[in-house]
N, C-alpha and C. Protein backbone atom coordinates (compact mmCIF):
# COMPACT_ATOMS: atom_id res chain seq x y z
N MET A 1 -69.81 -32.26 25.51
CA MET A 1 -70.23 -32.45 23.86
C MET A 1 -68.69 -33.00 23.16
N PRO A 2 -68.70 -34.10 22.41
CA PRO A 2 -67.33 -34.30 21.66
C PRO A 2 -67.03 -33.20 20.20
N GLY A 3 -65.66 -33.56 20.64
CA GLY A 3 -64.95 -32.64 19.73
C GLY A 3 -63.71 -32.95 19.45
N GLY A 4 -63.08 -32.51 17.92
CA GLY A 4 -61.98 -32.55 17.49
C GLY A 4 -61.59 -32.39 16.41
N GLY A 5 -60.51 -33.11 16.04
CA GLY A 5 -60.26 -32.36 14.55
C GLY A 5 -59.92 -33.54 13.83
N PRO A 6 -59.52 -33.43 12.65
CA PRO A 6 -59.49 -34.61 11.47
C PRO A 6 -57.80 -35.55 12.11
N GLU A 7 -58.15 -36.92 11.93
CA GLU A 7 -56.82 -37.38 11.57
C GLU A 7 -56.40 -37.99 10.21
N SER A 8 -55.15 -38.40 10.67
CA SER A 8 -54.90 -38.83 9.24
C SER A 8 -55.92 -40.13 8.41
N GLU A 9 -56.92 -40.90 9.00
CA GLU A 9 -57.58 -41.95 8.55
C GLU A 9 -58.66 -41.61 8.15
N ASP A 10 -59.06 -40.10 8.65
CA ASP A 10 -60.38 -39.87 8.33
C ASP A 10 -60.50 -39.24 6.83
N ASN A 11 -61.33 -39.70 5.91
CA ASN A 11 -61.58 -39.37 4.72
C ASN A 11 -62.27 -38.02 4.84
N ASP A 12 -62.86 -37.22 5.62
CA ASP A 12 -63.90 -36.49 5.77
C ASP A 12 -64.25 -36.25 7.19
N TRP A 13 -65.35 -35.04 7.28
CA TRP A 13 -65.63 -34.73 8.17
C TRP A 13 -66.72 -35.48 9.21
N LYS A 14 -67.49 -36.25 8.35
CA LYS A 14 -68.15 -37.12 8.96
C LYS A 14 -67.27 -38.50 9.62
N GLU A 15 -66.32 -39.03 8.94
CA GLU A 15 -65.37 -40.02 9.69
C GLU A 15 -65.13 -38.84 10.90
N THR A 16 -64.48 -38.01 11.01
CA THR A 16 -64.00 -37.36 11.69
C THR A 16 -64.96 -37.40 13.18
N LEU A 17 -66.41 -37.14 12.94
CA LEU A 17 -66.98 -36.87 13.33
C LEU A 17 -67.47 -38.13 14.88
N ILE A 18 -67.63 -39.08 13.82
CA ILE A 18 -67.96 -40.64 13.98
C ILE A 18 -67.12 -40.99 14.95
N ARG A 19 -65.67 -40.67 14.65
CA ARG A 19 -64.30 -41.47 15.72
C ARG A 19 -64.55 -40.74 16.94
N GLU A 20 -64.69 -38.97 16.62
CA GLU A 20 -64.41 -38.60 17.94
C GLU A 20 -65.78 -39.02 19.03
N VAL A 21 -66.76 -39.26 18.23
CA VAL A 21 -67.76 -39.05 19.35
C VAL A 21 -67.38 -40.95 20.01
N ASN A 22 -67.12 -41.58 19.47
CA ASN A 22 -66.58 -43.10 19.77
C ASN A 22 -65.55 -43.02 20.56
N GLU A 23 -64.42 -42.23 20.51
CA GLU A 23 -63.64 -41.91 21.62
C GLU A 23 -63.63 -41.54 22.96
N GLU A 24 -64.49 -40.39 22.08
CA GLU A 24 -64.58 -39.33 23.74
C GLU A 24 -65.99 -39.96 24.53
N ALA A 25 -67.05 -40.43 23.54
CA ALA A 25 -68.24 -40.64 24.71
C ALA A 25 -68.19 -42.32 24.55
N SER A 26 -67.93 -43.21 23.73
CA SER A 26 -68.07 -44.63 23.77
C SER A 26 -69.39 -45.05 23.16
N VAL A 27 -69.69 -43.94 22.10
CA VAL A 27 -71.09 -44.60 21.54
C VAL A 27 -70.77 -44.32 19.48
N GLU A 28 -71.37 -45.70 19.14
CA GLU A 28 -71.83 -45.23 17.86
C GLU A 28 -72.70 -44.39 17.48
N ILE A 29 -72.48 -43.74 16.09
CA ILE A 29 -73.96 -42.96 15.57
C ILE A 29 -73.87 -43.52 13.72
N LYS A 30 -75.15 -42.92 13.74
CA LYS A 30 -75.09 -42.99 12.17
C LYS A 30 -76.13 -41.99 11.54
N ASP A 31 -76.57 -42.02 10.45
CA ASP A 31 -77.28 -40.93 9.90
C ASP A 31 -76.88 -39.64 10.29
N VAL A 32 -75.37 -39.27 10.09
CA VAL A 32 -75.02 -38.06 10.61
C VAL A 32 -75.28 -36.89 9.36
N THR A 33 -76.08 -35.88 9.76
CA THR A 33 -76.52 -34.84 8.89
C THR A 33 -76.19 -33.53 9.34
N PRO A 34 -75.41 -32.56 8.52
CA PRO A 34 -75.05 -31.60 9.04
C PRO A 34 -76.29 -30.39 9.05
N SER A 35 -76.38 -29.69 10.25
CA SER A 35 -76.93 -28.66 10.30
C SER A 35 -75.99 -27.24 10.58
N GLY A 36 -75.11 -27.23 10.16
CA GLY A 36 -74.29 -25.74 10.00
C GLY A 36 -73.52 -25.61 10.42
N TYR A 37 -72.70 -24.76 10.55
CA TYR A 37 -71.02 -24.69 10.91
C TYR A 37 -70.87 -23.31 11.64
N ILE A 38 -70.06 -23.31 12.45
CA ILE A 38 -69.49 -21.93 13.07
C ILE A 38 -68.05 -21.15 13.17
N GLU A 39 -67.81 -20.71 12.06
CA GLU A 39 -66.34 -19.87 11.59
C GLU A 39 -65.86 -19.47 13.57
N THR A 40 -64.43 -19.50 13.71
CA THR A 40 -64.07 -19.63 15.01
C THR A 40 -62.79 -18.69 14.98
N ILE A 41 -62.55 -17.96 15.85
CA ILE A 41 -61.00 -16.98 15.87
C ILE A 41 -60.70 -16.97 17.13
N SER A 42 -59.87 -17.43 17.52
CA SER A 42 -58.62 -17.54 18.45
C SER A 42 -57.76 -16.54 18.63
N LEU A 43 -58.31 -15.45 19.79
CA LEU A 43 -57.44 -14.73 20.34
C LEU A 43 -56.50 -14.45 21.06
N ASN A 44 -56.03 -15.43 20.88
CA ASN A 44 -54.91 -15.77 21.93
C ASN A 44 -53.40 -15.42 21.87
N ASN A 45 -52.98 -15.58 20.48
CA ASN A 45 -52.03 -14.61 20.05
C ASN A 45 -52.61 -13.73 18.75
N LEU A 46 -52.77 -12.50 19.40
CA LEU A 46 -52.95 -11.45 18.88
C LEU A 46 -51.84 -11.08 17.07
N SER A 47 -51.24 -11.75 17.41
CA SER A 47 -50.26 -11.51 16.06
C SER A 47 -50.63 -12.49 14.63
N HIS A 48 -50.87 -14.11 15.34
CA HIS A 48 -51.11 -15.06 14.43
C HIS A 48 -52.79 -15.52 15.15
N PRO A 49 -53.73 -15.12 14.75
CA PRO A 49 -55.06 -15.68 15.35
C PRO A 49 -54.95 -16.69 14.67
N ARG A 50 -55.51 -17.47 15.30
CA ARG A 50 -55.87 -19.04 14.93
C ARG A 50 -57.47 -19.33 14.38
N ILE A 51 -57.53 -19.26 12.97
CA ILE A 51 -59.27 -19.00 12.53
C ILE A 51 -59.77 -20.92 12.07
N GLY A 52 -61.04 -20.94 12.59
CA GLY A 52 -61.26 -22.42 12.36
C GLY A 52 -62.94 -22.32 11.89
N VAL A 53 -63.52 -23.71 12.00
CA VAL A 53 -64.40 -24.14 11.64
C VAL A 53 -64.99 -25.13 12.21
N GLY A 54 -66.09 -24.86 13.10
CA GLY A 54 -66.93 -25.71 13.90
C GLY A 54 -68.11 -26.23 13.01
N ILE A 55 -67.99 -27.62 12.86
CA ILE A 55 -69.02 -28.00 11.98
C ILE A 55 -70.56 -28.74 12.93
N ARG A 56 -71.34 -27.84 13.18
CA ARG A 56 -72.41 -28.67 13.63
C ARG A 56 -73.38 -29.76 13.04
N ALA A 57 -73.42 -30.78 13.48
CA ALA A 57 -74.53 -32.16 13.39
C ALA A 57 -75.16 -32.83 13.59
N VAL A 58 -75.91 -33.34 13.50
CA VAL A 58 -77.22 -34.42 14.42
C VAL A 58 -76.63 -35.38 13.81
N ALA A 59 -77.23 -36.42 14.92
CA ALA A 59 -76.91 -38.22 14.08
C ALA A 59 -77.82 -38.63 15.25
N ARG A 60 -78.15 -40.12 15.00
CA ARG A 60 -78.90 -40.90 15.68
C ARG A 60 -77.67 -42.07 16.24
N LEU A 61 -78.89 -42.39 17.32
CA LEU A 61 -77.71 -42.95 18.66
C LEU A 61 -77.52 -44.65 18.00
N LYS A 62 -76.76 -45.08 17.44
CA LYS A 62 -76.76 -46.65 17.08
C LYS A 62 -76.00 -47.41 18.07
N LYS A 63 -75.29 -47.29 19.08
CA LYS A 63 -75.34 -48.66 20.39
C LYS A 63 -74.16 -47.57 21.28
N ILE A 64 -74.47 -47.93 22.16
CA ILE A 64 -73.62 -47.44 23.46
C ILE A 64 -72.82 -48.35 23.82
N ASN A 65 -71.76 -47.59 23.97
CA ASN A 65 -70.94 -49.00 24.23
C ASN A 65 -70.67 -48.39 25.70
N SER A 66 -69.34 -49.74 26.24
CA SER A 66 -68.87 -49.23 27.91
C SER A 66 -67.68 -48.27 26.78
N GLN A 67 -67.67 -47.30 28.38
CA GLN A 67 -66.58 -46.42 28.33
C GLN A 67 -65.10 -46.93 27.93
N LYS A 68 -64.38 -46.13 27.72
CA LYS A 68 -63.03 -46.61 27.41
C LYS A 68 -62.31 -45.25 27.64
N ILE A 69 -61.14 -45.26 27.79
CA ILE A 69 -60.34 -44.53 28.07
C ILE A 69 -59.95 -43.64 26.25
N ASP A 70 -60.06 -42.36 26.47
CA ASP A 70 -60.15 -41.49 25.70
C ASP A 70 -58.85 -41.36 25.13
N PRO A 71 -58.22 -41.78 23.40
CA PRO A 71 -56.79 -41.65 23.55
C PRO A 71 -55.80 -40.39 23.47
N THR A 72 -56.94 -39.26 23.43
CA THR A 72 -56.14 -38.31 23.16
C THR A 72 -55.67 -37.57 24.75
N THR A 73 -56.93 -38.08 25.71
CA THR A 73 -56.80 -37.39 27.18
C THR A 73 -56.17 -38.24 28.12
N GLY A 74 -56.35 -39.90 27.87
CA GLY A 74 -55.76 -40.22 29.17
C GLY A 74 -56.63 -40.51 29.96
N THR A 75 -57.82 -40.10 29.36
CA THR A 75 -58.78 -40.25 30.48
C THR A 75 -60.43 -40.63 30.00
N ILE A 76 -61.10 -41.25 31.06
CA ILE A 76 -62.34 -41.54 30.98
C ILE A 76 -63.18 -40.33 30.98
N SER A 77 -64.07 -39.76 30.05
CA SER A 77 -64.99 -38.82 29.45
C SER A 77 -65.81 -39.13 30.61
N LYS A 78 -66.60 -37.82 31.20
CA LYS A 78 -68.04 -38.30 31.65
C LYS A 78 -68.88 -38.38 30.59
N ARG A 79 -69.82 -39.03 30.76
CA ARG A 79 -70.27 -38.74 30.06
C ARG A 79 -72.63 -38.94 30.65
N LYS A 80 -72.99 -37.97 29.95
CA LYS A 80 -74.61 -38.17 30.27
C LYS A 80 -75.82 -37.94 29.53
N PHE A 81 -76.73 -39.03 29.36
CA PHE A 81 -77.85 -38.59 28.52
C PHE A 81 -78.66 -37.76 28.84
N ILE A 82 -78.82 -36.80 28.09
CA ILE A 82 -80.32 -36.07 28.53
C ILE A 82 -80.95 -35.96 27.53
N LYS A 83 -82.33 -35.36 27.60
CA LYS A 83 -83.45 -35.29 26.71
C LYS A 83 -82.87 -33.83 25.76
N THR A 84 -83.66 -33.63 24.71
CA THR A 84 -82.89 -32.90 24.00
C THR A 84 -83.54 -31.34 24.47
N SER A 85 -85.10 -31.28 25.34
CA SER A 85 -85.22 -30.01 25.79
C SER A 85 -84.05 -29.82 26.92
N GLU A 86 -83.28 -30.57 27.75
CA GLU A 86 -82.45 -29.79 28.73
C GLU A 86 -81.17 -29.85 28.25
N PHE A 87 -81.22 -29.30 26.87
CA PHE A 87 -79.50 -29.44 26.56
C PHE A 87 -79.14 -27.98 26.96
N LEU A 88 -79.99 -26.65 26.62
CA LEU A 88 -79.70 -25.58 26.68
C LEU A 88 -79.17 -25.39 28.26
N ASP A 89 -79.82 -26.06 29.18
CA ASP A 89 -79.53 -26.07 30.40
C ASP A 89 -77.96 -26.47 30.89
N TYR A 90 -77.80 -27.41 29.95
CA TYR A 90 -76.27 -27.58 30.31
C TYR A 90 -74.86 -26.70 29.54
N CYS A 91 -75.73 -26.54 28.11
CA CYS A 91 -74.68 -26.17 27.35
C CYS A 91 -75.17 -24.64 26.84
N ARG A 92 -74.90 -23.65 27.79
CA ARG A 92 -75.01 -22.26 27.45
C ARG A 92 -74.38 -21.55 26.44
N TRP A 93 -74.63 -21.46 25.36
CA TRP A 93 -74.35 -21.11 24.41
C TRP A 93 -74.86 -19.72 23.79
N SER A 94 -75.34 -19.18 24.72
CA SER A 94 -75.82 -17.55 23.95
C SER A 94 -76.67 -17.47 23.17
N LYS A 95 -77.37 -16.34 22.56
CA LYS A 95 -78.23 -16.73 21.88
C LYS A 95 -77.82 -17.09 20.22
N ASN A 96 -76.43 -16.96 19.95
CA ASN A 96 -75.89 -17.52 18.99
C ASN A 96 -76.52 -19.12 18.92
N GLY A 97 -75.57 -19.48 20.48
CA GLY A 97 -76.35 -21.40 20.15
C GLY A 97 -77.39 -21.35 20.45
N GLU A 98 -78.49 -20.72 21.00
CA GLU A 98 -79.71 -21.00 20.92
C GLU A 98 -79.83 -21.02 19.72
N ALA A 99 -79.67 -20.33 18.45
CA ALA A 99 -80.13 -20.35 17.34
C ALA A 99 -79.42 -21.40 16.90
N GLN A 100 -78.12 -22.06 16.95
CA GLN A 100 -77.96 -23.05 16.40
C GLN A 100 -78.54 -24.37 16.58
N PHE A 101 -78.81 -24.47 18.04
CA PHE A 101 -79.78 -25.44 18.72
C PHE A 101 -80.87 -26.05 17.98
N LYS A 102 -81.65 -24.40 17.83
CA LYS A 102 -83.21 -24.39 17.06
C LYS A 102 -83.32 -25.43 15.63
N ILE A 103 -81.68 -24.56 14.68
CA ILE A 103 -82.04 -25.42 13.82
C ILE A 103 -81.44 -26.63 13.87
N ALA A 104 -80.61 -27.09 14.44
CA ALA A 104 -80.19 -28.52 14.50
C ALA A 104 -81.30 -29.61 15.40
N LEU A 105 -82.34 -28.80 16.20
CA LEU A 105 -83.73 -29.71 16.53
C LEU A 105 -84.19 -29.74 14.97
N LYS A 106 -84.72 -29.29 14.00
CA LYS A 106 -85.38 -29.04 12.94
C LYS A 106 -84.68 -30.24 12.15
N THR A 107 -83.07 -29.64 12.27
CA THR A 107 -82.67 -30.87 10.88
C THR A 107 -82.87 -32.37 11.75
N LEU A 108 -82.94 -32.97 13.38
CA LEU A 108 -83.07 -34.14 13.91
C LEU A 108 -84.82 -34.39 13.22
N ARG A 109 -85.27 -33.54 13.29
CA ARG A 109 -86.79 -34.01 12.90
C ARG A 109 -86.62 -34.44 11.47
N THR A 110 -86.42 -33.91 10.78
CA THR A 110 -85.74 -34.49 9.33
C THR A 110 -85.63 -35.87 9.37
N LEU A 111 -84.92 -36.69 10.16
CA LEU A 111 -84.34 -37.55 10.67
C LEU A 111 -85.50 -39.22 11.07
N LYS A 112 -86.33 -38.21 11.60
CA LYS A 112 -87.40 -39.62 12.20
C LYS A 112 -88.35 -40.00 10.73
């Protein structure tokens, strides 16, 4: 799943998401709609924990492009298109993640 953070050319979180998905999965998305967020705390350095926010969103697939090199990693990411019913088989997010996924599915249904 694509992820990352804002860059100087991004005006908001939606532009960041659209760019990251294009860079990492070589697909274009549209109708980006938030479905929630999760606050994260990295405990790698206990004296200076890093706090962040992960935005959860759903979108429609606009166009599948030929895969290209991700400018951040210098590699071509593996991509696999799956049915929503298979998602939790690939992303084992525990009960919290399962709840987030259910909310995302509910949000996705509003796009149809």
